[in-house]
N, C-alpha and C. Protein backbone atom coordinates (compact mmCIF):
# COMPACT_ATOMS: atom_id res chain seq x y z
N MET A 1 -13.82 -54.56 -31.12
CA MET A 1 -14.04 -53.96 -29.84
C MET A 1 -13.33 -54.79 -28.77
N ARG A 2 -12.49 -54.13 -27.99
CA ARG A 2 -11.77 -54.84 -26.92
C ARG A 2 -12.43 -54.52 -25.58
N TRP A 3 -12.51 -55.54 -24.72
CA TRP A 3 -13.16 -55.40 -23.42
C TRP A 3 -12.55 -54.26 -22.61
N ASP A 4 -11.23 -54.11 -22.64
CA ASP A 4 -10.57 -53.11 -21.80
C ASP A 4 -10.62 -51.70 -22.38
N THR A 5 -11.23 -51.52 -23.55
CA THR A 5 -11.34 -50.18 -24.13
C THR A 5 -12.80 -49.79 -24.41
N LEU A 6 -13.75 -50.50 -23.84
CA LEU A 6 -15.15 -50.20 -24.09
C LEU A 6 -15.53 -48.78 -23.70
N GLU A 7 -14.91 -48.25 -22.64
CA GLU A 7 -15.25 -46.90 -22.19
C GLU A 7 -14.91 -45.84 -23.23
N ASP A 8 -14.07 -46.18 -24.21
CA ASP A 8 -13.67 -45.23 -25.25
C ASP A 8 -14.50 -45.37 -26.53
N GLU A 9 -15.39 -46.35 -26.57
CA GLU A 9 -16.21 -46.57 -27.77
C GLU A 9 -17.21 -45.43 -27.95
N GLN A 10 -17.59 -45.18 -29.19
CA GLN A 10 -18.59 -44.16 -29.48
C GLN A 10 -19.97 -44.82 -29.49
N CYS A 11 -20.30 -45.45 -28.36
CA CYS A 11 -21.56 -46.16 -28.20
C CYS A 11 -21.93 -46.11 -26.73
N SER A 12 -23.10 -45.58 -26.42
CA SER A 12 -23.52 -45.44 -25.02
C SER A 12 -23.64 -46.78 -24.32
N LEU A 13 -24.10 -47.80 -25.02
CA LEU A 13 -24.22 -49.12 -24.40
C LEU A 13 -22.85 -49.68 -24.05
N ALA A 14 -21.90 -49.57 -24.97
CA ALA A 14 -20.54 -50.07 -24.71
C ALA A 14 -19.91 -49.33 -23.54
N ARG A 15 -20.10 -48.02 -23.47
CA ARG A 15 -19.53 -47.24 -22.36
C ARG A 15 -20.15 -47.65 -21.02
N THR A 16 -21.44 -47.94 -21.03
CA THR A 16 -22.11 -48.38 -19.80
C THR A 16 -21.64 -49.76 -19.40
N VAL A 17 -21.48 -50.65 -20.37
CA VAL A 17 -20.97 -52.00 -20.09
C VAL A 17 -19.57 -51.92 -19.48
N ALA A 18 -18.79 -50.93 -19.87
CA ALA A 18 -17.46 -50.76 -19.28
C ALA A 18 -17.54 -50.53 -17.77
N VAL A 19 -18.64 -49.96 -17.32
CA VAL A 19 -18.81 -49.65 -15.90
C VAL A 19 -19.51 -50.79 -15.15
N ILE A 20 -20.58 -51.34 -15.71
CA ILE A 20 -21.40 -52.30 -14.95
C ILE A 20 -21.50 -53.67 -15.62
N GLY A 21 -20.68 -53.94 -16.62
CA GLY A 21 -20.89 -55.09 -17.46
C GLY A 21 -20.34 -56.43 -17.03
N ASP A 22 -20.06 -56.63 -15.76
CA ASP A 22 -19.67 -57.97 -15.34
C ASP A 22 -20.50 -58.36 -14.12
N ARG A 23 -20.56 -59.63 -13.82
CA ARG A 23 -21.47 -60.10 -12.77
C ARG A 23 -21.16 -59.50 -11.42
N TRP A 24 -19.87 -59.37 -11.07
CA TRP A 24 -19.56 -58.83 -9.76
C TRP A 24 -19.95 -57.37 -9.65
N SER A 25 -19.77 -56.60 -10.71
CA SER A 25 -20.16 -55.19 -10.67
C SER A 25 -21.66 -55.05 -10.44
N LEU A 26 -22.43 -55.85 -11.15
CA LEU A 26 -23.88 -55.78 -10.98
C LEU A 26 -24.31 -56.21 -9.58
N LEU A 27 -23.65 -57.22 -9.03
CA LEU A 27 -24.00 -57.67 -7.68
C LEU A 27 -23.57 -56.66 -6.62
N VAL A 28 -22.43 -56.02 -6.80
CA VAL A 28 -22.02 -54.95 -5.88
C VAL A 28 -23.04 -53.82 -5.96
N LEU A 29 -23.45 -53.47 -7.17
CA LEU A 29 -24.44 -52.41 -7.36
C LEU A 29 -25.76 -52.79 -6.69
N ARG A 30 -26.18 -54.04 -6.82
CA ARG A 30 -27.41 -54.51 -6.15
C ARG A 30 -27.30 -54.24 -4.65
N GLU A 31 -26.16 -54.60 -4.06
CA GLU A 31 -25.97 -54.41 -2.63
C GLU A 31 -26.01 -52.93 -2.26
N CYS A 32 -25.47 -52.07 -3.12
CA CYS A 32 -25.54 -50.63 -2.87
C CYS A 32 -26.98 -50.17 -2.77
N PHE A 33 -27.82 -50.66 -3.68
CA PHE A 33 -29.23 -50.28 -3.65
C PHE A 33 -29.97 -50.91 -2.47
N LEU A 34 -29.42 -51.96 -1.89
CA LEU A 34 -29.97 -52.54 -0.66
C LEU A 34 -29.34 -51.89 0.57
N ARG A 35 -28.64 -50.78 0.36
CA ARG A 35 -28.07 -49.91 1.39
C ARG A 35 -26.85 -50.48 2.11
N VAL A 36 -26.12 -51.35 1.44
CA VAL A 36 -24.84 -51.81 1.96
C VAL A 36 -23.81 -50.74 1.61
N ARG A 37 -22.92 -50.42 2.57
CA ARG A 37 -21.95 -49.36 2.33
C ARG A 37 -20.52 -49.73 2.69
N ARG A 38 -20.34 -50.73 3.52
CA ARG A 38 -19.01 -51.02 4.04
C ARG A 38 -18.40 -52.26 3.42
N PHE A 39 -17.10 -52.20 3.21
CA PHE A 39 -16.34 -53.25 2.53
C PHE A 39 -16.64 -54.63 3.12
N GLU A 40 -16.56 -54.75 4.43
CA GLU A 40 -16.75 -56.05 5.07
C GLU A 40 -18.15 -56.60 4.84
N GLU A 41 -19.14 -55.72 4.82
CA GLU A 41 -20.51 -56.18 4.59
C GLU A 41 -20.70 -56.63 3.14
N PHE A 42 -20.12 -55.88 2.18
CA PHE A 42 -20.15 -56.34 0.79
C PHE A 42 -19.54 -57.73 0.70
N GLN A 43 -18.36 -57.87 1.27
CA GLN A 43 -17.64 -59.13 1.18
C GLN A 43 -18.43 -60.27 1.81
N SER A 44 -19.01 -60.03 2.95
CA SER A 44 -19.78 -61.05 3.64
C SER A 44 -21.02 -61.46 2.86
N ARG A 45 -21.74 -60.48 2.35
CA ARG A 45 -23.00 -60.76 1.64
C ARG A 45 -22.76 -61.42 0.28
N LEU A 46 -21.66 -61.07 -0.37
CA LEU A 46 -21.40 -61.57 -1.72
C LEU A 46 -20.46 -62.77 -1.77
N SER A 47 -19.74 -63.03 -0.69
CA SER A 47 -18.70 -64.08 -0.69
C SER A 47 -17.71 -63.86 -1.84
N ILE A 48 -17.29 -62.64 -2.01
CA ILE A 48 -16.36 -62.24 -3.07
C ILE A 48 -14.98 -62.08 -2.44
N THR A 49 -13.95 -62.34 -3.21
CA THR A 49 -12.60 -62.16 -2.67
C THR A 49 -12.34 -60.67 -2.43
N ARG A 50 -11.46 -60.38 -1.51
CA ARG A 50 -11.11 -58.99 -1.19
C ARG A 50 -10.57 -58.27 -2.42
N HIS A 51 -9.73 -58.97 -3.19
CA HIS A 51 -9.12 -58.38 -4.38
C HIS A 51 -10.19 -57.98 -5.40
N LEU A 52 -11.13 -58.88 -5.71
CA LEU A 52 -12.18 -58.57 -6.68
C LEU A 52 -13.07 -57.43 -6.19
N LEU A 53 -13.44 -57.48 -4.92
CA LEU A 53 -14.30 -56.44 -4.38
C LEU A 53 -13.60 -55.08 -4.42
N ALA A 54 -12.35 -55.05 -3.99
CA ALA A 54 -11.60 -53.78 -4.01
C ALA A 54 -11.51 -53.24 -5.43
N ASP A 55 -11.32 -54.11 -6.41
CA ASP A 55 -11.24 -53.71 -7.81
C ASP A 55 -12.56 -53.10 -8.28
N ARG A 56 -13.68 -53.74 -7.96
CA ARG A 56 -14.99 -53.23 -8.40
C ARG A 56 -15.32 -51.91 -7.71
N LEU A 57 -15.05 -51.81 -6.42
CA LEU A 57 -15.32 -50.56 -5.72
C LEU A 57 -14.45 -49.43 -6.26
N LYS A 58 -13.20 -49.72 -6.54
CA LYS A 58 -12.29 -48.72 -7.11
C LYS A 58 -12.80 -48.25 -8.48
N LYS A 59 -13.28 -49.19 -9.29
CA LYS A 59 -13.82 -48.83 -10.61
C LYS A 59 -15.05 -47.94 -10.47
N PHE A 60 -15.94 -48.27 -9.54
CA PHE A 60 -17.14 -47.45 -9.34
C PHE A 60 -16.79 -46.05 -8.85
N VAL A 61 -15.77 -45.93 -8.02
CA VAL A 61 -15.33 -44.61 -7.58
C VAL A 61 -14.73 -43.85 -8.77
N LYS A 62 -13.91 -44.53 -9.57
CA LYS A 62 -13.28 -43.90 -10.74
C LYS A 62 -14.32 -43.34 -11.70
N PHE A 63 -15.41 -44.09 -11.92
CA PHE A 63 -16.44 -43.66 -12.87
C PHE A 63 -17.51 -42.78 -12.22
N GLY A 64 -17.33 -42.45 -10.94
CA GLY A 64 -18.27 -41.55 -10.28
C GLY A 64 -19.59 -42.18 -9.89
N VAL A 65 -19.65 -43.50 -9.83
CA VAL A 65 -20.87 -44.21 -9.42
C VAL A 65 -20.98 -44.21 -7.89
N LEU A 66 -19.83 -44.34 -7.23
CA LEU A 66 -19.77 -44.32 -5.77
C LEU A 66 -18.78 -43.25 -5.33
N ARG A 67 -18.97 -42.73 -4.13
CA ARG A 67 -17.94 -41.90 -3.52
C ARG A 67 -17.48 -42.61 -2.26
N LYS A 68 -16.21 -42.48 -1.99
CA LYS A 68 -15.57 -43.14 -0.86
C LYS A 68 -15.48 -42.13 0.28
N VAL A 69 -16.08 -42.47 1.42
CA VAL A 69 -16.14 -41.56 2.56
C VAL A 69 -15.55 -42.25 3.79
N LYS A 70 -14.53 -41.63 4.39
CA LYS A 70 -13.91 -42.21 5.58
C LYS A 70 -14.86 -42.12 6.76
N TYR A 71 -15.05 -43.24 7.46
CA TYR A 71 -15.87 -43.22 8.67
C TYR A 71 -15.07 -43.59 9.91
N GLN A 72 -13.81 -43.96 9.74
CA GLN A 72 -12.96 -44.32 10.88
C GLN A 72 -11.51 -44.03 10.51
N ASP A 73 -10.75 -43.50 11.50
CA ASP A 73 -9.35 -43.15 11.24
C ASP A 73 -8.37 -44.28 11.52
N ARG A 74 -8.50 -44.98 12.62
CA ARG A 74 -7.52 -46.01 13.01
C ARG A 74 -8.19 -47.34 13.24
N PRO A 75 -8.03 -48.26 12.35
CA PRO A 75 -7.44 -48.10 11.01
C PRO A 75 -8.41 -47.34 10.10
N ALA A 76 -7.88 -46.80 9.03
CA ALA A 76 -8.71 -46.07 8.08
C ALA A 76 -9.73 -47.02 7.46
N ARG A 77 -11.00 -46.65 7.56
CA ARG A 77 -12.09 -47.45 6.97
C ARG A 77 -13.04 -46.50 6.25
N TYR A 78 -13.62 -47.03 5.19
CA TYR A 78 -14.43 -46.19 4.32
C TYR A 78 -15.80 -46.81 4.06
N GLU A 79 -16.75 -45.92 3.78
CA GLU A 79 -18.06 -46.33 3.28
C GLU A 79 -18.10 -45.94 1.80
N TYR A 80 -18.90 -46.66 1.06
CA TYR A 80 -19.08 -46.40 -0.37
C TYR A 80 -20.53 -46.01 -0.56
N ILE A 81 -20.73 -44.76 -0.98
CA ILE A 81 -22.07 -44.20 -1.06
C ILE A 81 -22.40 -43.88 -2.52
N LEU A 82 -23.60 -44.26 -2.95
CA LEU A 82 -24.03 -43.98 -4.32
C LEU A 82 -24.08 -42.48 -4.56
N THR A 83 -23.51 -42.05 -5.66
CA THR A 83 -23.61 -40.66 -6.12
C THR A 83 -24.89 -40.55 -6.96
N GLN A 84 -25.17 -39.35 -7.44
CA GLN A 84 -26.33 -39.21 -8.33
C GLN A 84 -26.15 -40.06 -9.58
N ARG A 85 -24.92 -40.12 -10.08
CA ARG A 85 -24.62 -40.95 -11.25
C ARG A 85 -24.95 -42.42 -10.93
N GLY A 86 -24.60 -42.86 -9.73
CA GLY A 86 -24.90 -44.22 -9.31
C GLY A 86 -26.39 -44.43 -9.14
N LEU A 87 -27.07 -43.48 -8.50
CA LEU A 87 -28.52 -43.59 -8.33
C LEU A 87 -29.25 -43.66 -9.67
N ASP A 88 -28.68 -43.01 -10.68
CA ASP A 88 -29.29 -43.03 -12.01
C ASP A 88 -29.22 -44.41 -12.67
N LEU A 89 -28.46 -45.34 -12.07
CA LEU A 89 -28.42 -46.72 -12.57
C LEU A 89 -29.60 -47.56 -12.04
N TYR A 90 -30.38 -47.00 -11.12
CA TYR A 90 -31.48 -47.75 -10.52
C TYR A 90 -32.46 -48.33 -11.55
N PRO A 91 -32.90 -47.57 -12.55
CA PRO A 91 -33.82 -48.16 -13.53
C PRO A 91 -33.21 -49.36 -14.26
N ILE A 92 -31.91 -49.33 -14.51
CA ILE A 92 -31.26 -50.46 -15.17
C ILE A 92 -31.30 -51.68 -14.28
N VAL A 93 -30.93 -51.50 -13.02
CA VAL A 93 -30.95 -52.62 -12.07
C VAL A 93 -32.36 -53.16 -11.93
N MET A 94 -33.34 -52.27 -11.79
CA MET A 94 -34.72 -52.73 -11.64
C MET A 94 -35.22 -53.45 -12.89
N SER A 95 -34.79 -53.04 -14.06
CA SER A 95 -35.17 -53.75 -15.29
C SER A 95 -34.61 -55.16 -15.30
N ILE A 96 -33.38 -55.31 -14.86
CA ILE A 96 -32.77 -56.64 -14.80
C ILE A 96 -33.48 -57.50 -13.76
N VAL A 97 -33.79 -56.91 -12.61
CA VAL A 97 -34.52 -57.63 -11.55
C VAL A 97 -35.88 -58.08 -12.09
N HIS A 98 -36.58 -57.18 -12.76
CA HIS A 98 -37.91 -57.52 -13.29
C HIS A 98 -37.82 -58.66 -14.31
N TRP A 99 -36.82 -58.62 -15.18
CA TRP A 99 -36.64 -59.72 -16.13
C TRP A 99 -36.44 -61.03 -15.37
N GLY A 100 -35.60 -61.01 -14.35
CA GLY A 100 -35.37 -62.20 -13.54
C GLY A 100 -36.63 -62.66 -12.83
N ASP A 101 -37.41 -61.71 -12.30
CA ASP A 101 -38.68 -62.06 -11.64
C ASP A 101 -39.68 -62.66 -12.62
N THR A 102 -39.60 -62.27 -13.86
CA THR A 102 -40.52 -62.76 -14.89
C THR A 102 -40.07 -64.10 -15.46
N HIS A 103 -38.77 -64.27 -15.68
CA HIS A 103 -38.28 -65.43 -16.42
C HIS A 103 -37.42 -66.41 -15.64
N MET A 104 -36.95 -66.05 -14.46
CA MET A 104 -35.98 -66.90 -13.77
C MET A 104 -36.40 -67.37 -12.37
N VAL A 105 -37.61 -67.05 -11.94
CA VAL A 105 -38.03 -67.48 -10.60
C VAL A 105 -38.40 -68.96 -10.61
N ASP A 106 -38.28 -69.58 -9.46
CA ASP A 106 -38.71 -70.97 -9.32
C ASP A 106 -40.08 -71.00 -8.65
N GLU A 107 -40.48 -72.17 -8.19
CA GLU A 107 -41.82 -72.32 -7.61
C GLU A 107 -42.04 -71.50 -6.34
N ARG A 108 -40.96 -71.05 -5.70
CA ARG A 108 -41.09 -70.23 -4.49
C ARG A 108 -41.50 -68.80 -4.80
N GLY A 109 -41.31 -68.35 -6.04
CA GLY A 109 -41.68 -66.99 -6.41
C GLY A 109 -40.53 -66.01 -6.26
N ARG A 110 -40.86 -64.75 -6.34
CA ARG A 110 -39.88 -63.68 -6.30
C ARG A 110 -39.15 -63.63 -4.96
N PRO A 111 -37.83 -63.43 -4.99
CA PRO A 111 -37.10 -63.33 -3.73
C PRO A 111 -37.33 -62.00 -3.00
N LEU A 112 -37.61 -60.94 -3.72
CA LEU A 112 -37.89 -59.63 -3.11
C LEU A 112 -39.10 -59.01 -3.79
N LEU A 113 -39.90 -58.32 -3.00
CA LEU A 113 -40.99 -57.53 -3.54
C LEU A 113 -40.60 -56.07 -3.36
N HIS A 114 -40.99 -55.24 -4.30
CA HIS A 114 -40.66 -53.81 -4.26
C HIS A 114 -41.93 -53.02 -4.02
N GLN A 115 -41.89 -52.18 -2.98
CA GLN A 115 -43.05 -51.39 -2.59
C GLN A 115 -42.75 -49.92 -2.76
N HIS A 116 -43.66 -49.22 -3.41
CA HIS A 116 -43.53 -47.78 -3.61
C HIS A 116 -43.93 -47.08 -2.31
N LYS A 117 -43.01 -46.33 -1.73
CA LYS A 117 -43.28 -45.66 -0.44
C LYS A 117 -44.44 -44.68 -0.54
N ASN A 118 -44.56 -43.98 -1.67
CA ASN A 118 -45.59 -42.94 -1.78
C ASN A 118 -47.01 -43.49 -1.75
N CYS A 119 -47.26 -44.57 -2.50
CA CYS A 119 -48.63 -45.08 -2.58
C CYS A 119 -48.83 -46.36 -1.77
N GLY A 120 -47.73 -46.99 -1.35
CA GLY A 120 -47.84 -48.21 -0.55
C GLY A 120 -48.03 -49.49 -1.34
N ASN A 121 -48.13 -49.39 -2.66
CA ASN A 121 -48.37 -50.57 -3.48
C ASN A 121 -47.08 -51.26 -3.88
N PHE A 122 -47.15 -52.59 -4.03
CA PHE A 122 -46.05 -53.35 -4.62
C PHE A 122 -46.13 -53.14 -6.12
N PHE A 123 -44.98 -53.09 -6.78
CA PHE A 123 -44.99 -52.71 -8.19
C PHE A 123 -44.01 -53.54 -9.01
N ASP A 124 -44.20 -53.48 -10.31
CA ASP A 124 -43.26 -53.96 -11.32
C ASP A 124 -42.79 -52.72 -12.07
N PRO A 125 -41.48 -52.62 -12.33
CA PRO A 125 -41.01 -51.45 -13.08
C PRO A 125 -41.48 -51.53 -14.53
N VAL A 126 -41.84 -50.39 -15.09
CA VAL A 126 -42.23 -50.32 -16.50
C VAL A 126 -41.46 -49.18 -17.14
N MET A 127 -41.23 -49.31 -18.43
CA MET A 127 -40.55 -48.26 -19.16
C MET A 127 -41.61 -47.50 -19.96
N ILE A 128 -41.59 -46.18 -19.82
CA ILE A 128 -42.56 -45.36 -20.53
C ILE A 128 -41.84 -44.29 -21.35
N CYS A 129 -42.55 -43.77 -22.33
CA CYS A 129 -42.04 -42.67 -23.13
C CYS A 129 -42.01 -41.41 -22.27
N SER A 130 -40.86 -40.73 -22.26
CA SER A 130 -40.73 -39.51 -21.46
C SER A 130 -41.60 -38.38 -21.99
N GLU A 131 -42.07 -38.48 -23.23
CA GLU A 131 -42.85 -37.41 -23.84
C GLU A 131 -44.35 -37.59 -23.70
N CYS A 132 -44.86 -38.82 -23.93
CA CYS A 132 -46.31 -39.02 -23.90
C CYS A 132 -46.79 -39.91 -22.75
N GLY A 133 -45.86 -40.58 -22.07
CA GLY A 133 -46.23 -41.42 -20.94
C GLY A 133 -46.72 -42.80 -21.30
N GLU A 134 -46.72 -43.15 -22.58
CA GLU A 134 -47.17 -44.48 -23.01
C GLU A 134 -46.11 -45.53 -22.69
N PRO A 135 -46.51 -46.75 -22.34
CA PRO A 135 -45.53 -47.83 -22.15
C PRO A 135 -44.77 -48.09 -23.45
N LEU A 136 -43.50 -48.49 -23.32
CA LEU A 136 -42.65 -48.77 -24.48
C LEU A 136 -42.32 -50.25 -24.58
N SER A 137 -42.19 -50.72 -25.82
CA SER A 137 -41.63 -52.04 -26.09
C SER A 137 -40.64 -51.88 -27.24
N ALA A 138 -39.78 -52.85 -27.41
CA ALA A 138 -38.75 -52.76 -28.45
C ALA A 138 -39.35 -52.56 -29.84
N LYS A 139 -40.51 -53.15 -30.08
CA LYS A 139 -41.13 -53.05 -31.42
C LYS A 139 -41.70 -51.67 -31.69
N GLN A 140 -41.83 -50.84 -30.67
CA GLN A 140 -42.42 -49.52 -30.85
C GLN A 140 -41.39 -48.40 -30.92
N VAL A 141 -40.12 -48.75 -31.05
CA VAL A 141 -39.07 -47.73 -31.02
C VAL A 141 -38.25 -47.78 -32.31
N HIS A 142 -38.02 -46.62 -32.88
CA HIS A 142 -37.11 -46.47 -34.03
C HIS A 142 -35.91 -45.68 -33.54
N THR A 143 -34.74 -45.95 -34.08
CA THR A 143 -33.54 -45.19 -33.72
C THR A 143 -33.08 -44.35 -34.89
N HIS A 144 -32.43 -43.25 -34.58
CA HIS A 144 -31.89 -42.33 -35.58
C HIS A 144 -30.53 -41.86 -35.08
N PRO A 145 -29.59 -41.57 -35.95
CA PRO A 145 -28.29 -41.06 -35.50
C PRO A 145 -28.45 -39.78 -34.70
N GLY A 146 -27.72 -39.70 -33.60
CA GLY A 146 -27.73 -38.50 -32.77
C GLY A 146 -26.49 -37.67 -33.01
N PRO A 147 -26.37 -36.56 -32.31
CA PRO A 147 -25.22 -35.67 -32.53
C PRO A 147 -23.89 -36.32 -32.18
N GLY A 148 -23.90 -37.34 -31.31
CA GLY A 148 -22.65 -38.01 -30.95
C GLY A 148 -22.37 -39.26 -31.76
N ALA A 149 -23.15 -39.50 -32.81
CA ALA A 149 -22.97 -40.70 -33.64
C ALA A 149 -21.65 -40.61 -34.39
N PRO A 150 -21.00 -41.75 -34.60
CA PRO A 150 -19.76 -41.71 -35.38
C PRO A 150 -20.04 -41.26 -36.82
N GLN A 151 -19.12 -40.51 -37.35
CA GLN A 151 -19.26 -40.07 -38.74
C GLN A 151 -18.85 -41.20 -39.67
N SER A 152 -19.62 -41.39 -40.70
CA SER A 152 -19.24 -42.42 -41.68
C SER A 152 -18.02 -41.90 -42.45
N PRO A 153 -17.18 -42.81 -42.97
CA PRO A 153 -16.00 -42.36 -43.71
C PRO A 153 -16.34 -41.44 -44.88
N ALA A 154 -17.45 -41.73 -45.56
CA ALA A 154 -17.84 -40.90 -46.70
C ALA A 154 -18.21 -39.49 -46.24
N ALA A 155 -18.88 -39.38 -45.09
CA ALA A 155 -19.31 -38.07 -44.60
C ALA A 155 -18.10 -37.23 -44.17
N SER A 156 -17.09 -37.85 -43.62
CA SER A 156 -15.92 -37.08 -43.16
C SER A 156 -15.04 -36.64 -44.32
N GLU A 157 -15.17 -37.28 -45.49
CA GLU A 157 -14.38 -36.88 -46.66
C GLU A 157 -15.02 -35.75 -47.42
N ALA A 158 -16.30 -35.53 -47.19
CA ALA A 158 -17.03 -34.51 -47.96
C ALA A 158 -16.71 -33.12 -47.51
């Protein structure tokens, strides 16, 4: 598996890593969820070089995670807004944040608390079964080949 061809792999995890699988991509995505939209603000908050930031934003636009919207003509300036595809990455980001809050905090505690607007409570993200609503853990899940699974050489010869 080559890093520059992950998006072509027949594996959903590899294809996702092709989009969000480096530290700068994840940090840009974090800023998007914190409602940052403009190039200069990303750069200021992340202390990232212009070249790296432009590359990550271009990649997110290419994969449909962000859309680029002009907000000024002279000079041309753009905002980067999460698409539905981008918003669908929220559970992934929150899972990573929760892992960090659980395993990587120091004596000061969590750097951010997350509050549910509907009920007003602070929360920790949990993963549940979409069918029965029970919490999930890795030990409670079995996998089976799906319709997009690669065909084994023996199966394609039959």
